Amino acid sequence: MSELTNGSFDLDVSSVKVAGLLPNLPVRTNDKQTLVSGKIKASDIDGAILTNPYAGKLIVEDLETNDTFSLNAELAKTDNIVSATEDVETQMKGLLKAPEIATDRVSASDQATWIEFDNNEINLSANAVKINGQVVVPSPDLTALETKTQNISLTSSAGGNY
């Protein structure tokens, strides 16, 4: 009988009726190691309580949401981009592939050569302009371009010259 009073007796039963407990509520022990029943209070929990929205720092290995299986996997897709603040370079490794890009200027990495789009004009800064490896404009002087294009005539689809 001493096992029953000193707590070393294993009890395996399918149901127990204990006087003083409220039905359909969680059972826990209090600070006196007595079984009690009632709603669980925040003070009963040893650890952090998450609220919505959570006002603290949440540290997790990975995060799954309703529409993202793995936040780490999604972020890995942007590993080739080095973030930067406004007015500072943002660097990217590899090729940028996009069906359409809107920009005012495209330049070489040293920014010495560039193409600038301004309203209905295209401004070009280069020592020479090549098409398929052939120099079209060897210098900013347009005389060479005029010489190469003086014999070009444009014909409309209706059959007459412009």
N, C-alpha and C. Protein backbone atom coordinates (compact mmCIF):
# COMPACT_ATOMS: atom_id res chain seq x y z
N MET A 1 0.80 -1.20 0.00
CA MET A 1 0.00 0.00 0.00
C MET A 1 0.84 1.27 0.00
N SER A 2 2.08 1.16 0.39
CA SER A 2 2.92 2.35 0.44
C SER A 2 3.13 2.93 -0.97
N GLU A 3 3.08 2.07 -2.03
CA GLU A 3 3.23 2.57 -3.40
C GLU A 3 2.11 3.52 -3.78
N LEU A 4 0.93 3.33 -3.26
CA LEU A 4 -0.19 4.23 -3.57
C LEU A 4 0.01 5.60 -2.93
N THR A 5 0.56 5.66 -1.78
CA THR A 5 0.71 6.94 -1.09
C THR A 5 1.99 7.67 -1.44
N ASN A 6 3.04 6.96 -1.84
CA ASN A 6 4.30 7.67 -2.16
C ASN A 6 4.44 8.00 -3.65
N GLY A 7 3.46 7.62 -4.50
CA GLY A 7 3.47 7.99 -5.91
C GLY A 7 4.27 7.09 -6.81
N SER A 8 4.69 5.94 -6.35
CA SER A 8 5.48 5.04 -7.20
C SER A 8 4.64 3.96 -7.85
N PHE A 9 3.33 3.99 -7.67
CA PHE A 9 2.45 2.98 -8.22
C PHE A 9 1.96 3.41 -9.59
N ASP A 10 2.10 2.55 -10.62
CA ASP A 10 1.60 2.83 -11.97
C ASP A 10 0.14 2.45 -12.03
N LEU A 11 -0.67 3.38 -12.54
CA LEU A 11 -2.11 3.14 -12.64
C LEU A 11 -2.50 3.18 -14.11
N ASP A 12 -3.16 2.13 -14.60
CA ASP A 12 -3.59 2.06 -16.00
C ASP A 12 -5.07 1.73 -15.98
N VAL A 13 -5.92 2.76 -16.21
CA VAL A 13 -7.37 2.57 -16.18
C VAL A 13 -7.98 3.26 -17.38
N SER A 14 -9.19 2.86 -17.76
CA SER A 14 -9.84 3.46 -18.92
C SER A 14 -10.64 4.71 -18.54
N SER A 15 -11.06 4.87 -17.30
CA SER A 15 -11.73 6.09 -16.88
C SER A 15 -11.56 6.26 -15.38
N VAL A 16 -11.60 7.53 -14.96
CA VAL A 16 -11.44 7.86 -13.54
C VAL A 16 -12.45 8.94 -13.19
N LYS A 17 -13.09 8.82 -12.07
CA LYS A 17 -13.97 9.87 -11.55
C LYS A 17 -13.27 10.47 -10.34
N VAL A 18 -13.02 11.78 -10.41
CA VAL A 18 -12.35 12.46 -9.31
C VAL A 18 -13.28 13.55 -8.82
N ALA A 19 -13.54 13.57 -7.56
CA ALA A 19 -14.43 14.58 -6.96
C ALA A 19 -13.78 15.95 -7.03
N GLY A 20 -14.59 16.97 -7.30
CA GLY A 20 -14.11 18.34 -7.30
C GLY A 20 -13.62 18.84 -8.64
N LEU A 21 -13.56 18.01 -9.67
CA LEU A 21 -13.13 18.46 -11.00
C LEU A 21 -14.35 18.80 -11.84
N LEU A 22 -14.21 19.84 -12.66
CA LEU A 22 -15.30 20.25 -13.54
C LEU A 22 -15.26 19.42 -14.83
N PRO A 23 -16.41 18.95 -15.30
CA PRO A 23 -16.42 18.12 -16.51
C PRO A 23 -16.06 18.93 -17.77
N ASN A 24 -15.47 18.25 -18.74
CA ASN A 24 -15.15 18.79 -20.07
C ASN A 24 -14.16 19.97 -20.04
N LEU A 25 -13.34 20.03 -19.02
CA LEU A 25 -12.31 21.06 -18.96
C LEU A 25 -10.95 20.38 -18.76
N PRO A 26 -9.88 21.05 -19.19
CA PRO A 26 -8.55 20.45 -19.03
C PRO A 26 -8.22 20.20 -17.55
N VAL A 27 -7.45 19.15 -17.32
CA VAL A 27 -6.99 18.81 -15.97
C VAL A 27 -5.50 19.07 -15.92
N ARG A 28 -5.05 19.70 -14.84
CA ARG A 28 -3.63 20.00 -14.65
C ARG A 28 -3.34 19.99 -13.15
N THR A 29 -2.10 20.10 -12.83
CA THR A 29 -1.75 20.19 -11.41
C THR A 29 -1.47 21.64 -11.06
N ASN A 30 -1.79 22.01 -9.84
CA ASN A 30 -1.49 23.37 -9.39
C ASN A 30 -0.14 23.39 -8.70
N ASP A 31 0.21 24.51 -8.08
CA ASP A 31 1.51 24.63 -7.43
C ASP A 31 1.65 23.73 -6.21
N LYS A 32 0.55 23.17 -5.73
CA LYS A 32 0.59 22.24 -4.59
C LYS A 32 0.56 20.79 -5.06
N GLN A 33 0.69 20.58 -6.36
CA GLN A 33 0.66 19.26 -7.00
C GLN A 33 -0.67 18.53 -6.78
N THR A 34 -1.72 19.32 -6.80
CA THR A 34 -3.07 18.78 -6.67
C THR A 34 -3.74 18.88 -8.03
N LEU A 35 -4.51 17.85 -8.41
CA LEU A 35 -5.25 17.90 -9.67
C LEU A 35 -6.36 18.94 -9.56
N VAL A 36 -6.43 19.82 -10.57
CA VAL A 36 -7.49 20.83 -10.66
C VAL A 36 -7.98 20.85 -12.09
N SER A 37 -9.19 21.36 -12.31
CA SER A 37 -9.72 21.50 -13.66
C SER A 37 -10.15 22.95 -13.87
N GLY A 38 -10.16 23.37 -15.09
CA GLY A 38 -10.55 24.73 -15.43
C GLY A 38 -9.87 25.16 -16.72
N LYS A 39 -10.24 26.33 -17.18
CA LYS A 39 -9.63 26.84 -18.41
C LYS A 39 -8.16 27.16 -18.16
N ILE A 40 -7.35 26.93 -19.16
CA ILE A 40 -5.93 27.21 -19.04
C ILE A 40 -5.72 28.71 -19.21
N LYS A 41 -4.97 29.29 -18.28
CA LYS A 41 -4.68 30.73 -18.30
C LYS A 41 -3.26 30.95 -18.81
N ALA A 42 -2.98 32.16 -19.25
CA ALA A 42 -1.64 32.49 -19.74
C ALA A 42 -0.59 32.21 -18.67
N SER A 43 -0.94 32.42 -17.40
CA SER A 43 0.02 32.18 -16.31
C SER A 43 0.34 30.69 -16.15
N ASP A 44 -0.51 29.80 -16.70
CA ASP A 44 -0.27 28.35 -16.62
C ASP A 44 0.78 27.88 -17.64
N ILE A 45 1.10 28.73 -18.59
CA ILE A 45 1.99 28.34 -19.69
C ILE A 45 3.40 28.80 -19.40
N ASP A 46 4.33 27.88 -19.50
CA ASP A 46 5.74 28.20 -19.32
C ASP A 46 6.36 28.32 -20.71
N GLY A 47 6.47 29.53 -21.21
CA GLY A 47 7.02 29.74 -22.55
C GLY A 47 6.39 30.96 -23.18
N ALA A 48 6.72 31.19 -24.45
CA ALA A 48 6.21 32.36 -25.16
C ALA A 48 4.80 32.11 -25.66
N ILE A 49 3.96 33.12 -25.54
CA ILE A 49 2.59 33.05 -26.05
C ILE A 49 2.54 33.85 -27.34
N LEU A 50 2.11 33.22 -28.42
CA LEU A 50 2.00 33.91 -29.70
C LEU A 50 0.67 34.63 -29.78
N THR A 51 0.72 35.87 -30.19
CA THR A 51 -0.49 36.66 -30.41
C THR A 51 -0.59 36.96 -31.90
N ASN A 52 -1.72 37.42 -32.34
CA ASN A 52 -1.91 37.76 -33.74
C ASN A 52 -2.37 39.20 -33.83
N PRO A 53 -1.58 40.13 -34.31
CA PRO A 53 -0.23 39.90 -34.83
C PRO A 53 0.77 39.73 -33.69
N TYR A 54 1.83 38.97 -33.99
CA TYR A 54 2.87 38.72 -33.00
C TYR A 54 3.76 39.94 -32.90
N ALA A 55 3.99 40.42 -31.70
CA ALA A 55 4.72 41.67 -31.50
C ALA A 55 6.18 41.44 -31.13
N GLY A 56 6.70 40.25 -31.33
CA GLY A 56 8.08 39.97 -30.95
C GLY A 56 8.89 39.48 -32.13
N LYS A 57 10.02 38.87 -31.84
CA LYS A 57 10.91 38.32 -32.85
C LYS A 57 10.68 36.81 -32.90
N LEU A 58 10.25 36.31 -34.04
CA LEU A 58 9.97 34.90 -34.21
C LEU A 58 11.13 34.25 -34.96
N ILE A 59 11.77 33.28 -34.34
CA ILE A 59 12.92 32.61 -34.95
C ILE A 59 12.51 31.19 -35.31
N VAL A 60 12.54 30.89 -36.62
CA VAL A 60 12.15 29.57 -37.11
C VAL A 60 13.17 29.11 -38.16
N GLU A 61 13.27 27.81 -38.37
CA GLU A 61 14.16 27.28 -39.40
C GLU A 61 13.60 27.52 -40.80
N ASP A 62 12.30 27.42 -40.96
CA ASP A 62 11.63 27.65 -42.23
C ASP A 62 10.19 28.03 -41.91
N LEU A 63 9.47 28.54 -42.87
CA LEU A 63 8.11 28.98 -42.63
C LEU A 63 7.21 28.52 -43.76
N GLU A 64 6.08 27.94 -43.42
CA GLU A 64 5.09 27.52 -44.41
C GLU A 64 3.83 28.34 -44.18
N THR A 65 3.27 28.88 -45.26
CA THR A 65 2.03 29.65 -45.17
C THR A 65 0.98 28.99 -46.04
N ASN A 66 -0.19 29.61 -46.12
CA ASN A 66 -1.26 29.05 -46.95
C ASN A 66 -0.87 28.96 -48.42
N ASP A 67 -0.03 29.88 -48.90
CA ASP A 67 0.33 29.87 -50.32
C ASP A 67 1.83 29.71 -50.57
N THR A 68 2.62 29.46 -49.55
CA THR A 68 4.05 29.24 -49.70
C THR A 68 4.43 28.00 -48.93
N PHE A 69 4.93 26.98 -49.64
CA PHE A 69 5.30 25.74 -48.97
C PHE A 69 6.55 25.93 -48.13
N SER A 70 7.53 26.69 -48.66
CA SER A 70 8.77 26.93 -47.93
C SER A 70 9.25 28.34 -48.23
N LEU A 71 9.27 29.18 -47.22
CA LEU A 71 9.76 30.55 -47.41
C LEU A 71 11.23 30.53 -47.80
N ASN A 72 12.01 29.62 -47.22
CA ASN A 72 13.42 29.51 -47.58
C ASN A 72 13.59 29.22 -49.06
N ALA A 73 12.78 28.32 -49.61
CA ALA A 73 12.88 27.98 -51.04
C ALA A 73 12.52 29.19 -51.90
N GLU A 74 11.52 29.95 -51.48
CA GLU A 74 11.14 31.14 -52.25
C GLU A 74 12.24 32.19 -52.21
N LEU A 75 12.83 32.39 -51.05
CA LEU A 75 13.90 33.38 -50.92
C LEU A 75 15.15 32.95 -51.68
N ALA A 76 15.38 31.65 -51.80
CA ALA A 76 16.55 31.15 -52.52
C ALA A 76 16.48 31.54 -54.00
N LYS A 77 15.29 31.77 -54.50
CA LYS A 77 15.14 32.17 -55.91
C LYS A 77 15.71 33.56 -56.16
N THR A 78 15.93 34.36 -55.12
CA THR A 78 16.47 35.70 -55.28
C THR A 78 17.90 35.79 -54.77
N ASP A 79 18.59 34.67 -54.61
CA ASP A 79 19.97 34.67 -54.11
C ASP A 79 20.92 35.43 -55.02
N ASN A 80 20.61 35.55 -56.30
CA ASN A 80 21.52 36.21 -57.22
C ASN A 80 21.39 37.73 -57.20
N ILE A 81 20.53 38.27 -56.35
CA ILE A 81 20.36 39.71 -56.24
C ILE A 81 20.94 40.18 -54.92
N VAL A 82 21.82 41.18 -54.99
CA VAL A 82 22.38 41.78 -53.78
C VAL A 82 21.57 43.03 -53.49
N SER A 83 20.90 43.08 -52.37
CA SER A 83 20.02 44.20 -52.09
C SER A 83 20.82 45.47 -51.86
N ALA A 84 20.19 46.57 -52.16
CA ALA A 84 20.82 47.87 -51.98
C ALA A 84 19.76 48.88 -51.59
N THR A 85 20.20 49.96 -50.99
CA THR A 85 19.28 51.02 -50.65
C THR A 85 19.13 51.96 -51.83
N GLU A 86 18.21 52.89 -51.73
CA GLU A 86 17.95 53.82 -52.82
C GLU A 86 19.22 54.60 -53.17
N ASP A 87 19.41 54.88 -54.43
CA ASP A 87 20.56 55.62 -54.97
C ASP A 87 21.88 54.88 -54.83
N VAL A 88 21.84 53.57 -54.65
CA VAL A 88 23.05 52.75 -54.57
C VAL A 88 22.87 51.60 -55.56
N GLU A 89 23.96 51.09 -56.09
CA GLU A 89 23.88 50.00 -57.06
C GLU A 89 23.20 48.76 -56.47
N THR A 90 22.40 48.10 -57.29
CA THR A 90 21.89 46.78 -56.96
C THR A 90 22.53 45.83 -57.96
N GLN A 91 23.23 44.84 -57.47
CA GLN A 91 23.96 43.94 -58.36
C GLN A 91 23.23 42.63 -58.49
N MET A 92 23.35 42.04 -59.69
CA MET A 92 22.71 40.76 -59.97
C MET A 92 23.67 39.90 -60.78
N LYS A 93 23.80 38.64 -60.42
CA LYS A 93 24.65 37.71 -61.16
C LYS A 93 23.80 36.99 -62.20
N GLY A 94 24.35 36.74 -63.37
CA GLY A 94 23.62 36.00 -64.39
C GLY A 94 22.88 36.92 -65.34
N LEU A 95 22.06 36.32 -66.18
CA LEU A 95 21.31 37.06 -67.19
C LEU A 95 19.96 37.48 -66.64
N LEU A 96 19.54 38.68 -66.99
CA LEU A 96 18.20 39.15 -66.66
C LEU A 96 17.32 38.84 -67.86
N LYS A 97 16.35 37.96 -67.67
CA LYS A 97 15.45 37.59 -68.75
C LYS A 97 14.04 38.09 -68.40
N ALA A 98 13.52 38.95 -69.25
CA ALA A 98 12.19 39.50 -69.03
C ALA A 98 11.56 39.77 -70.38
N PRO A 99 10.25 39.59 -70.51
CA PRO A 99 9.61 39.84 -71.80
C PRO A 99 9.64 41.31 -72.18
N GLU A 100 9.72 42.19 -71.20
CA GLU A 100 9.73 43.62 -71.50
C GLU A 100 10.40 44.35 -70.35
N ILE A 101 11.22 45.34 -70.67
CA ILE A 101 11.89 46.15 -69.66
C ILE A 101 11.65 47.61 -70.00
N ALA A 102 11.25 48.39 -69.04
CA ALA A 102 11.07 49.83 -69.23
C ALA A 102 12.16 50.55 -68.46
N THR A 103 12.98 51.31 -69.17
CA THR A 103 14.06 52.05 -68.53
C THR A 103 14.38 53.28 -69.37
N ASP A 104 15.00 54.27 -68.77
CA ASP A 104 15.39 55.46 -69.51
C ASP A 104 16.79 55.36 -70.09
N ARG A 105 17.62 54.47 -69.50
CA ARG A 105 19.00 54.40 -69.95
C ARG A 105 19.56 52.99 -69.77
N VAL A 106 20.32 52.53 -70.77
CA VAL A 106 21.06 51.28 -70.69
C VAL A 106 22.51 51.66 -70.90
N SER A 107 23.39 51.19 -70.00
CA SER A 107 24.79 51.58 -70.14
C SER A 107 25.72 50.40 -69.87
N ALA A 108 26.95 50.55 -70.34
CA ALA A 108 27.99 49.58 -70.04
C ALA A 108 28.31 49.70 -68.55
N SER A 109 28.98 48.71 -67.99
CA SER A 109 29.25 48.72 -66.55
C SER A 109 30.07 49.94 -66.13
N ASP A 110 30.92 50.46 -67.03
CA ASP A 110 31.69 51.67 -66.67
C ASP A 110 30.92 52.95 -66.99
N GLN A 111 29.75 52.84 -67.56
CA GLN A 111 28.84 53.93 -67.92
C GLN A 111 29.44 54.90 -68.93
N ALA A 112 30.51 54.50 -69.64
CA ALA A 112 31.10 55.36 -70.66
C ALA A 112 30.31 55.28 -71.96
N THR A 113 29.69 54.14 -72.21
CA THR A 113 28.88 53.94 -73.42
C THR A 113 27.46 53.69 -72.98
N TRP A 114 26.50 54.37 -73.61
CA TRP A 114 25.12 54.21 -73.19
C TRP A 114 24.14 54.52 -74.30
N ILE A 115 22.93 54.02 -74.12
CA ILE A 115 21.79 54.35 -74.98
C ILE A 115 20.74 54.94 -74.05
N GLU A 116 20.24 56.09 -74.42
CA GLU A 116 19.27 56.79 -73.58
C GLU A 116 17.98 57.01 -74.37
N PHE A 117 16.86 56.72 -73.75
CA PHE A 117 15.56 56.87 -74.38
C PHE A 117 14.88 58.07 -73.75
N ASP A 118 14.59 59.09 -74.58
CA ASP A 118 14.03 60.34 -74.08
C ASP A 118 12.86 60.73 -74.97
N ASN A 119 11.66 60.58 -74.45
CA ASN A 119 10.43 60.84 -75.21
C ASN A 119 10.47 60.08 -76.54
N ASN A 120 10.60 60.77 -77.66
CA ASN A 120 10.61 60.12 -78.97
C ASN A 120 12.00 60.07 -79.57
N GLU A 121 13.05 60.25 -78.76
CA GLU A 121 14.41 60.26 -79.26
C GLU A 121 15.22 59.14 -78.61
N ILE A 122 16.25 58.71 -79.35
CA ILE A 122 17.22 57.78 -78.80
C ILE A 122 18.57 58.49 -78.86
N ASN A 123 19.18 58.67 -77.71
CA ASN A 123 20.50 59.30 -77.64
C ASN A 123 21.52 58.21 -77.41
N LEU A 124 22.66 58.32 -78.11
CA LEU A 124 23.67 57.27 -78.07
C LEU A 124 25.02 57.90 -77.76
N SER A 125 25.74 57.31 -76.82
CA SER A 125 27.09 57.77 -76.52
C SER A 125 28.03 56.59 -76.75
N ALA A 126 28.83 56.67 -77.82
CA ALA A 126 29.77 55.59 -78.15
C ALA A 126 30.83 56.13 -79.08
N ASN A 127 32.00 55.48 -79.10
CA ASN A 127 33.06 55.88 -80.03
C ASN A 127 32.78 55.35 -81.44
N ALA A 128 32.03 54.27 -81.55
CA ALA A 128 31.66 53.71 -82.84
C ALA A 128 30.38 52.91 -82.67
N VAL A 129 29.59 52.86 -83.73
CA VAL A 129 28.36 52.08 -83.72
C VAL A 129 28.52 50.95 -84.73
N LYS A 130 28.28 49.71 -84.29
CA LYS A 130 28.41 48.55 -85.16
C LYS A 130 27.07 47.83 -85.23
N ILE A 131 26.78 47.31 -86.41
CA ILE A 131 25.63 46.42 -86.60
C ILE A 131 26.18 45.14 -87.17
N ASN A 132 25.95 44.03 -86.49
CA ASN A 132 26.50 42.73 -86.88
C ASN A 132 28.01 42.78 -87.07
N GLY A 133 28.70 43.51 -86.21
CA GLY A 133 30.16 43.58 -86.26
C GLY A 133 30.71 44.57 -87.26
N GLN A 134 29.86 45.17 -88.08
CA GLN A 134 30.31 46.13 -89.08
C GLN A 134 30.09 47.55 -88.56
N VAL A 135 31.15 48.37 -88.66
CA VAL A 135 31.05 49.75 -88.18
C VAL A 135 30.09 50.52 -89.09
N VAL A 136 29.09 51.10 -88.50
CA VAL A 136 28.13 51.93 -89.23
C VAL A 136 28.47 53.39 -89.02
N VAL A 137 28.73 53.76 -87.79
CA VAL A 137 29.12 55.13 -87.47
C VAL A 137 30.44 55.04 -86.72
N PRO A 138 31.57 55.41 -87.39
CA PRO A 138 32.87 55.26 -86.74
C PRO A 138 33.15 56.32 -85.68
N SER A 139 32.44 57.42 -85.71
CA SER A 139 32.67 58.48 -84.73
C SER A 139 31.35 59.22 -84.53
N PRO A 140 31.31 60.11 -83.57
CA PRO A 140 30.08 60.87 -83.37
C PRO A 140 29.72 61.74 -84.56
N ASP A 141 30.64 61.90 -85.53
CA ASP A 141 30.37 62.69 -86.72
C ASP A 141 29.39 61.93 -87.62
N LEU A 142 28.26 62.51 -87.95
CA LEU A 142 27.24 61.84 -88.74
C LEU A 142 27.52 61.85 -90.24
N THR A 143 28.63 62.45 -90.66
CA THR A 143 28.96 62.47 -92.08
C THR A 143 29.09 61.05 -92.63
N ALA A 144 29.70 60.18 -91.88
CA ALA A 144 29.88 58.79 -92.34
C ALA A 144 28.52 58.10 -92.49
N LEU A 145 27.60 58.37 -91.58
CA LEU A 145 26.28 57.76 -91.69
C LEU A 145 25.54 58.31 -92.90
N GLU A 146 25.65 59.59 -93.13
CA GLU A 146 25.00 60.19 -94.30
C GLU A 146 25.55 59.59 -95.59
N THR A 147 26.86 59.37 -95.66
CA THR A 147 27.49 58.80 -96.85
C THR A 147 26.98 57.39 -97.09
N LYS A 148 26.85 56.58 -96.05
CA LYS A 148 26.43 55.19 -96.19
C LYS A 148 24.94 55.06 -96.50
N THR A 149 24.17 56.06 -96.17
CA THR A 149 22.72 55.95 -96.35
C THR A 149 22.18 56.84 -97.45
N GLN A 150 23.02 57.55 -98.21
CA GLN A 150 22.52 58.51 -99.19
C GLN A 150 21.79 57.85 -100.36
N ASN A 151 22.07 56.59 -100.66
CA ASN A 151 21.43 55.93 -101.79
C ASN A 151 20.24 55.06 -101.39
N ILE A 152 19.79 55.15 -100.16
CA ILE A 152 18.64 54.36 -99.71
C ILE A 152 17.37 55.11 -100.06
N SER A 153 16.45 54.42 -100.70
CA SER A 153 15.14 55.03 -100.96
C SER A 153 14.08 54.15 -100.32
N LEU A 154 13.11 54.77 -99.76
CA LEU A 154 12.03 54.06 -99.08
C LEU A 154 10.82 53.98 -100.00
N THR A 155 10.21 52.83 -100.07
CA THR A 155 9.04 52.60 -100.91
C THR A 155 7.88 52.20 -100.02
N SER A 156 6.74 52.79 -100.28
CA SER A 156 5.57 52.44 -99.46
C SER A 156 4.99 51.12 -99.96
N SER A 157 4.18 50.50 -99.13
CA SER A 157 3.56 49.24 -99.50
C SER A 157 2.54 49.45 -100.63
N ALA A 158 2.13 50.69 -100.81
CA ALA A 158 1.19 50.99 -101.90
C ALA A 158 1.91 51.14 -103.23
N GLY A 159 3.24 51.17 -103.20
CA GLY A 159 3.99 51.17 -104.46
C GLY A 159 4.68 52.47 -104.80
N GLY A 160 4.56 53.48 -104.04
CA GLY A 160 5.21 54.76 -104.38
C GLY A 160 6.33 55.07 -103.40
N ASN A 161 7.20 56.07 -103.78
CA ASN A 161 8.24 56.52 -102.88
C ASN A 161 7.68 57.45 -101.83
N TYR A 162 8.38 57.51 -100.72
CA TYR A 162 7.96 58.46 -99.67
C TYR A 162 8.48 59.83 -99.99
